[in-house]
C-alpha cells in the first residue's frame, strides 16, 4: 500500500493505544494507533513524544505510529 511518513508530536493520549498526533500544517492533528513492532517491543509512547507516523494517501486523517524518537 501507499504510505507517507510524517514527523509529529503526541498531543493527546486516548484509550486502546490510540494517540492524537500534531503534524505541522494540519489543524487538530491526526488520529494514530501503535504499529505492530512498537506493540511487540512494548515501546511506551507518552504525551509529548516525537514520533514518525505512516499516513495512508487514501485517508490522511488516520495513521500508524511506526517510530518513537
PDB file of N, CA and C in Angstrom:
ATOM      1  N   UNK A   1       0.829  -1.183   0.000  1.00  0.00           N
ATOM      2  CA  UNK A   1       0.000   0.000   0.000  1.00  0.00           C
ATOM      3  C   UNK A   1       0.871   1.243   0.000  1.00  0.00           C
ATOM      4  N   UNK A   2       0.246   2.385  -0.184  1.00  0.00           N
ATOM      5  CA  UNK A   2       0.976   3.633  -0.288  1.00  0.00           C
ATOM      6  C   UNK A   2       0.869   4.421   1.008  1.00  0.00           C
ATOM      7  N   UNK A   3       2.021   4.714   1.612  1.00  0.00           N
ATOM      8  CA  UNK A   3       2.063   5.471   2.850  1.00  0.00           C
ATOM      9  C   UNK A   3       3.041   6.621   2.716  1.00  0.00           C
ATOM     10  N   UNK A   4       2.731   7.694   3.449  1.00  0.00           N
ATOM     11  CA  UNK A   4       3.622   8.842   3.548  1.00  0.00           C
ATOM     12  C   UNK A   4       4.039   8.940   5.008  1.00  0.00           C
ATOM     13  N   UNK A   5       5.344   9.028   5.277  1.00  0.00           N
ATOM     14  CA  UNK A   5       5.816   9.131   6.655  1.00  0.00           C
ATOM     15  C   UNK A   5       5.984  10.600   7.026  1.00  0.00           C
ATOM     16  N   UNK A   6       5.361  10.988   8.149  1.00  0.00           N
ATOM     17  CA  UNK A   6       5.403  12.365   8.630  1.00  0.00           C
ATOM     18  C   UNK A   6       5.925  12.390  10.054  1.00  0.00           C
ATOM     19  N   UNK A   7       6.570  13.496  10.424  1.00  0.00           N
ATOM     20  CA  UNK A   7       7.057  13.693  11.785  1.00  0.00           C
ATOM     21  C   UNK A   7       6.017  14.474  12.560  1.00  0.00           C
ATOM     22  N   UNK A   8       5.832  14.126  13.833  1.00  0.00           N
ATOM     23  CA  UNK A   8       4.856  14.836  14.649  1.00  0.00           C
ATOM     24  C   UNK A   8       5.127  14.665  16.125  1.00  0.00           C
ATOM     25  N   UNK A   9       4.244  15.233  16.929  1.00  0.00           N
ATOM     26  CA  UNK A   9       4.369  15.181  18.377  1.00  0.00           C
ATOM     27  C   UNK A   9       3.031  14.746  18.962  1.00  0.00           C
ATOM     28  N   UNK A  10       3.092  13.835  19.954  1.00  0.00           N
ATOM     29  CA  UNK A  10       1.875  13.339  20.606  1.00  0.00           C
ATOM     30  C   UNK A  10       1.302  14.462  21.460  1.00  0.00           C
ATOM     31  N   UNK A  11       0.024  14.826  21.192  1.00  0.00           N
ATOM     32  CA  UNK A  11      -0.611  15.903  21.957  1.00  0.00           C
ATOM     33  C   UNK A  11      -1.741  15.403  22.837  1.00  0.00           C
ATOM     34  N   UNK A  12      -2.185  14.145  22.610  1.00  0.00           N
ATOM     35  CA  UNK A  12      -3.263  13.598  23.429  1.00  0.00           C
ATOM     36  C   UNK A  12      -3.155  12.074  23.429  1.00  0.00           C
ATOM     37  N   UNK A  13      -3.313  11.485  24.617  1.00  0.00           N
ATOM     38  CA  UNK A  13      -3.300  10.034  24.758  1.00  0.00           C
ATOM     39  C   UNK A  13      -4.742   9.580  24.932  1.00  0.00           C
ATOM     40  N   UNK A  14      -5.187   8.662  24.066  1.00  0.00           N
ATOM     41  CA  UNK A  14      -6.546   8.164  24.077  1.00  0.00           C
ATOM     42  C   UNK A  14      -6.540   6.674  24.437  1.00  0.00           C
ATOM     43  N   UNK A  15      -7.702   6.103  24.769  1.00  0.00           N
ATOM     44  CA  UNK A  15      -7.750   4.677  25.111  1.00  0.00           C
ATOM     45  C   UNK A  15      -7.364   3.767  23.944  1.00  0.00           C
ATOM     46  N   UNK A  16      -7.024   2.530  24.272  1.00  0.00           N
ATOM     47  CA  UNK A  16      -6.731   1.470  23.291  1.00  0.00           C
ATOM     48  C   UNK A  16      -5.533   1.804  22.409  1.00  0.00           C
ATOM     49  N   UNK A  17      -4.443   2.265  23.021  1.00  0.00           N
ATOM     50  CA  UNK A  17      -3.193   2.603  22.318  1.00  0.00           C
ATOM     51  C   UNK A  17      -3.419   3.486  21.101  1.00  0.00           C
ATOM     52  N   UNK A  18      -4.291   4.471  21.267  1.00  0.00           N
ATOM     53  CA  UNK A  18      -4.572   5.448  20.221  1.00  0.00           C
ATOM     54  C   UNK A  18      -4.096   6.811  20.698  1.00  0.00           C
ATOM     55  N   UNK A  19      -3.571   7.599  19.780  1.00  0.00           N
ATOM     56  CA  UNK A  19      -2.995   8.893  20.126  1.00  0.00           C
ATOM     57  C   UNK A  19      -3.423   9.930  19.106  1.00  0.00           C
ATOM     58  N   UNK A  20      -3.485  11.197  19.549  1.00  0.00           N
ATOM     59  CA  UNK A  20      -3.664  12.306  18.619  1.00  0.00           C
ATOM     60  C   UNK A  20      -2.286  12.928  18.445  1.00  0.00           C
ATOM     61  N   UNK A  21      -1.857  13.011  17.191  1.00  0.00           N
ATOM     62  CA  UNK A  21      -0.513  13.481  16.863  1.00  0.00           C
ATOM     63  C   UNK A  21      -0.623  14.774  16.074  1.00  0.00           C
ATOM     64  N   UNK A  22       0.087  15.796  16.545  1.00  0.00           N
ATOM     65  CA  UNK A  22       0.117  17.087  15.850  1.00  0.00           C
ATOM     66  C   UNK A  22       1.172  17.030  14.757  1.00  0.00           C
ATOM     67  N   UNK A  23       0.731  17.256  13.534  1.00  0.00           N
ATOM     68  CA  UNK A  23       1.618  17.313  12.377  1.00  0.00           C
ATOM     69  C   UNK A  23       1.646  18.762  11.919  1.00  0.00           C
ATOM     70  N   UNK A  24       2.825  19.270  11.647  1.00  0.00           N
ATOM     71  CA  UNK A  24       2.935  20.651  11.201  1.00  0.00           C
ATOM     72  C   UNK A  24       2.165  20.834   9.893  1.00  0.00           C
ATOM     73  N   UNK A  25       1.280  21.801   9.872  1.00  0.00           N
ATOM     74  CA  UNK A  25       0.491  22.075   8.684  1.00  0.00           C
ATOM     75  C   UNK A  25      -0.911  21.485   8.729  1.00  0.00           C
ATOM     76  N   UNK A  26      -1.241  20.741   9.788  1.00  0.00           N
ATOM     77  CA  UNK A  26      -2.594  20.205   9.919  1.00  0.00           C
ATOM     78  C   UNK A  26      -3.232  20.784  11.177  1.00  0.00           C
ATOM     79  N   UNK A  27      -4.520  21.037  11.121  1.00  0.00           N
ATOM     80  CA  UNK A  27      -5.207  21.566  12.296  1.00  0.00           C
ATOM     81  C   UNK A  27      -5.836  20.416  13.069  1.00  0.00           C
ATOM     82  N   UNK A  28      -5.647  20.387  14.380  1.00  0.00           N
ATOM     83  CA  UNK A  28      -6.256  19.368  15.217  1.00  0.00           C
ATOM     84  C   UNK A  28      -5.487  18.068  15.267  1.00  0.00           C
ATOM     85  N   UNK A  29      -4.554  17.875  14.405  1.00  0.00           N
ATOM     86  CA  UNK A  29      -3.758  16.662  14.415  1.00  0.00           C
ATOM     87  C   UNK A  29      -4.463  15.492  13.752  1.00  0.00           C
ATOM     88  N   UNK A  30      -3.782  14.339  13.750  1.00  0.00           N
ATOM     89  CA  UNK A  30      -4.353  13.140  13.166  1.00  0.00           C
ATOM     90  C   UNK A  30      -4.468  12.069  14.235  1.00  0.00           C
ATOM     91  N   UNK A  31      -5.349  11.128  14.016  1.00  0.00           N
ATOM     92  CA  UNK A  31      -5.562  10.023  14.937  1.00  0.00           C
ATOM     93  C   UNK A  31      -4.642   8.882  14.523  1.00  0.00           C
ATOM     94  N   UNK A  32      -3.824   8.393  15.464  1.00  0.00           N
ATOM     95  CA  UNK A  32      -2.862   7.346  15.118  1.00  0.00           C
ATOM     96  C   UNK A  32      -2.856   6.259  16.183  1.00  0.00           C
ATOM     97  N   UNK A  33      -2.651   5.025  15.745  1.00  0.00           N
ATOM     98  CA  UNK A  33      -2.512   3.918  16.681  1.00  0.00           C
ATOM     99  C   UNK A  33      -1.087   3.375  16.599  1.00  0.00           C
ATOM    100  N   UNK A  34      -0.707   2.547  17.554  1.00  0.00           N
ATOM    101  CA  UNK A  34       0.639   1.991  17.578  1.00  0.00           C
ATOM    102  C   UNK A  34       0.802   0.915  16.518  1.00  0.00           C
ATOM    103  N   UNK A  35       1.942   0.923  15.863  1.00  0.00           N
ATOM    104  CA  UNK A  35       2.256  -0.122  14.896  1.00  0.00           C
ATOM    105  C   UNK A  35       2.618  -1.416  15.623  1.00  0.00           C
ATOM    106  N   UNK A  36       2.597  -2.512  14.896  1.00  0.00           N
ATOM    107  CA  UNK A  36       2.838  -3.835  15.467  1.00  0.00           C
ATOM    108  C   UNK A  36       4.199  -3.999  16.118  1.00  0.00           C
ATOM    109  N   UNK A  37       5.240  -3.447  15.528  1.00  0.00           N
ATOM    110  CA  UNK A  37       6.581  -3.597  16.102  1.00  0.00           C
ATOM    111  C   UNK A  37       6.714  -2.859  17.426  1.00  0.00           C
ATOM    112  N   UNK A  38       6.051  -1.714  17.546  1.00  0.00           N
ATOM    113  CA  UNK A  38       6.089  -0.988  18.813  1.00  0.00           C
ATOM    114  C   UNK A  38       5.318  -1.746  19.886  1.00  0.00           C
ATOM    115  N   UNK A  39       4.221  -2.385  19.509  1.00  0.00           N
ATOM    116  CA  UNK A  39       3.456  -3.178  20.476  1.00  0.00           C
ATOM    117  C   UNK A  39       4.245  -4.398  20.925  1.00  0.00           C
ATOM    118  N   UNK A  40       4.829  -5.113  19.972  1.00  0.00           N
ATOM    119  CA  UNK A  40       5.600  -6.315  20.313  1.00  0.00           C
ATOM    120  C   UNK A  40       6.817  -5.974  21.163  1.00  0.00           C
ATOM    121  N   UNK A  41       7.457  -4.858  20.846  1.00  0.00           N
ATOM    122  CA  UNK A  41       8.632  -4.437  21.604  1.00  0.00           C
ATOM    123  C   UNK A  41       8.291  -3.726  22.895  1.00  0.00           C
ATOM    124  N   UNK A  42       6.991  -3.542  23.151  1.00  0.00           N
ATOM    125  CA  UNK A  42       6.495  -2.867  24.351  1.00  0.00           C
ATOM    126  C   UNK A  42       7.117  -1.483  24.531  1.00  0.00           C
ATOM    127  N   UNK A  43       7.205  -0.753  23.435  1.00  0.00           N
ATOM    128  CA  UNK A  43       7.733   0.607  23.452  1.00  0.00           C
ATOM    129  C   UNK A  43       6.633   1.524  23.974  1.00  0.00           C
ATOM    130  N   UNK A  44       6.944   2.293  24.993  1.00  0.00           N
ATOM    131  CA  UNK A  44       5.973   3.217  25.579  1.00  0.00           C
ATOM    132  C   UNK A  44       5.990   4.540  24.823  1.00  0.00           C
ATOM    133  N   UNK A  45       4.830   5.007  24.482  1.00  0.00           N
ATOM    134  CA  UNK A  45       4.676   6.320  23.855  1.00  0.00           C
ATOM    135  C   UNK A  45       3.856   7.156  24.820  1.00  0.00           C
ATOM    136  N   UNK A  46       4.395   8.306  25.217  1.00  0.00           N
ATOM    137  CA  UNK A  46       3.730   9.160  26.195  1.00  0.00           C
ATOM    138  C   UNK A  46       3.517  10.557  25.613  1.00  0.00           C
ATOM    139  N   UNK A  47       2.758  11.356  26.316  1.00  0.00           N
ATOM    140  CA  UNK A  47       2.446  12.713  25.899  1.00  0.00           C
ATOM    141  C   UNK A  47       3.726  13.507  25.665  1.00  0.00           C
ATOM    142  N   UNK A  48       3.828  14.156  24.526  1.00  0.00           N
ATOM    143  CA  UNK A  48       4.989  14.987  24.212  1.00  0.00           C
ATOM    144  C   UNK A  48       6.074  14.290  23.410  1.00  0.00           C
ATOM    145  N   UNK A  49       5.967  12.990  23.191  1.00  0.00           N
ATOM    146  CA  UNK A  49       6.983  12.261  22.420  1.00  0.00           C
ATOM    147  C   UNK A  49       6.969  12.686  20.961  1.00  0.00           C
ATOM    148  N   UNK A  50       8.154  12.743  20.367  1.00  0.00           N
ATOM    149  CA  UNK A  50       8.287  12.968  18.931  1.00  0.00           C
ATOM    150  C   UNK A  50       8.182  11.604  18.247  1.00  0.00           C
ATOM    151  N   UNK A  51       7.318  11.486  17.239  1.00  0.00           N
ATOM    152  CA  UNK A  51       7.069  10.207  16.589  1.00  0.00           C
ATOM    153  C   UNK A  51       7.054  10.366  15.074  1.00  0.00           C
ATOM    154  N   UNK A  52       7.229   9.247  14.389  1.00  0.00           N
ATOM    155  CA  UNK A  52       7.055   9.176  12.944  1.00  0.00           C
ATOM    156  C   UNK A  52       5.762   8.421  12.686  1.00  0.00           C
ATOM    157  N   UNK A  53       4.895   8.998  11.870  1.00  0.00           N
ATOM    158  CA  UNK A  53       3.580   8.422  11.606  1.00  0.00           C
ATOM    159  C   UNK A  53       3.477   8.076  10.119  1.00  0.00           C
ATOM    160  N   UNK A  54       3.067   6.835   9.834  1.00  0.00           N
ATOM    161  CA  UNK A  54       2.798   6.419   8.457  1.00  0.00           C
ATOM    162  C   UNK A  54       1.331   6.701   8.180  1.00  0.00           C
ATOM    163  N   UNK A  55       1.081   7.588   7.229  1.00  0.00           N
ATOM    164  CA  UNK A  55      -0.281   8.014   6.905  1.00  0.00           C
ATOM    165  C   UNK A  55      -0.629   7.512   5.509  1.00  0.00           C
ATOM    166  N   UNK A  56      -1.809   6.916   5.375  1.00  0.00           N
ATOM    167  CA  UNK A  56      -2.270   6.429   4.083  1.00  0.00           C
ATOM    168  C   UNK A  56      -2.632   7.616   3.190  1.00  0.00           C
ATOM    169  N   UNK A  57      -2.355   7.471   1.922  1.00  0.00           N
ATOM    170  CA  UNK A  57      -2.715   8.535   0.982  1.00  0.00           C
ATOM    171  C   UNK A  57      -4.223   8.568   0.758  1.00  0.00           C
ATOM    172  N   UNK A  58      -4.926   7.500   1.135  1.00  0.00           N
ATOM    173  CA  UNK A  58      -6.369   7.432   0.941  1.00  0.00           C
ATOM    174  C   UNK A  58      -7.156   8.075   2.076  1.00  0.00           C
ATOM    175  N   UNK A  59      -6.590   8.077   3.301  1.00  0.00           N
ATOM    176  CA  UNK A  59      -7.250   8.700   4.452  1.00  0.00           C
ATOM    177  C   UNK A  59      -6.195   9.435   5.278  1.00  0.00           C
ATOM    178  N   UNK A  60      -5.921  10.695   4.979  1.00  0.00           N
ATOM    179  CA  UNK A  60      -4.847  11.420   5.666  1.00  0.00           C
ATOM    180  C   UNK A  60      -5.174  11.829   7.096  1.00  0.00           C
ATOM    181  N   UNK A  61      -6.368  11.506   7.603  1.00  0.00           N
ATOM    182  CA  UNK A  61      -6.724  11.857   8.984  1.00  0.00           C
ATOM    183  C   UNK A  61      -6.355  10.772   9.971  1.00  0.00           C
ATOM    184  N   UNK A  62      -5.959   9.589   9.480  1.00  0.00           N
ATOM    185  CA  UNK A  62      -5.604   8.461  10.343  1.00  0.00           C
ATOM    186  C   UNK A  62      -4.217   7.957   9.968  1.00  0.00           C
ATOM    187  N   UNK A  63      -3.544   7.366  10.962  1.00  0.00           N
ATOM    188  CA  UNK A  63      -2.215   6.860  10.676  1.00  0.00           C
ATOM    189  C   UNK A  63      -1.778   5.814  11.685  1.00  0.00           C
ATOM    190  N   UNK A  64      -0.520   5.384  11.519  1.00  0.00           N
ATOM    191  CA  UNK A  64       0.068   4.373  12.381  1.00  0.00           C
ATOM    192  C   UNK A  64       1.430   4.871  12.843  1.00  0.00           C
ATOM    193  N   UNK A  65       1.662   4.848  14.147  1.00  0.00           N
ATOM    194  CA  UNK A  65       2.946   5.277  14.698  1.00  0.00           C
ATOM    195  C   UNK A  65       3.948   4.163  14.446  1.00  0.00           C
ATOM    196  N   UNK A  66       5.011   4.478  13.716  1.00  0.00           N
ATOM    197  CA  UNK A  66       5.992   3.454  13.362  1.00  0.00           C
ATOM    198  C   UNK A  66       7.354   3.647  14.042  1.00  0.00           C
ATOM    199  N   UNK A  67       7.584   4.830  14.635  1.00  0.00           N
ATOM    200  CA  UNK A  67       8.881   5.072  15.261  1.00  0.00           C
ATOM    201  C   UNK A  67       8.731   6.154  16.330  1.00  0.00           C
ATOM    202  N   UNK A  68       9.385   5.953  17.465  1.00  0.00           N
ATOM    203  CA  UNK A  68       9.409   6.971  18.505  1.00  0.00           C
ATOM    204  C   UNK A  68      10.827   7.488  18.614  1.00  0.00           C
ATOM    205  N   UNK A  69      11.016   8.796  18.542  1.00  0.00           N
ATOM    206  CA  UNK A  69      12.361   9.403  18.563  1.00  0.00           C
ATOM    207  C   UNK A  69      12.871   9.574  19.960  1.00  0.00           C
TER     208      UNK A  69
END
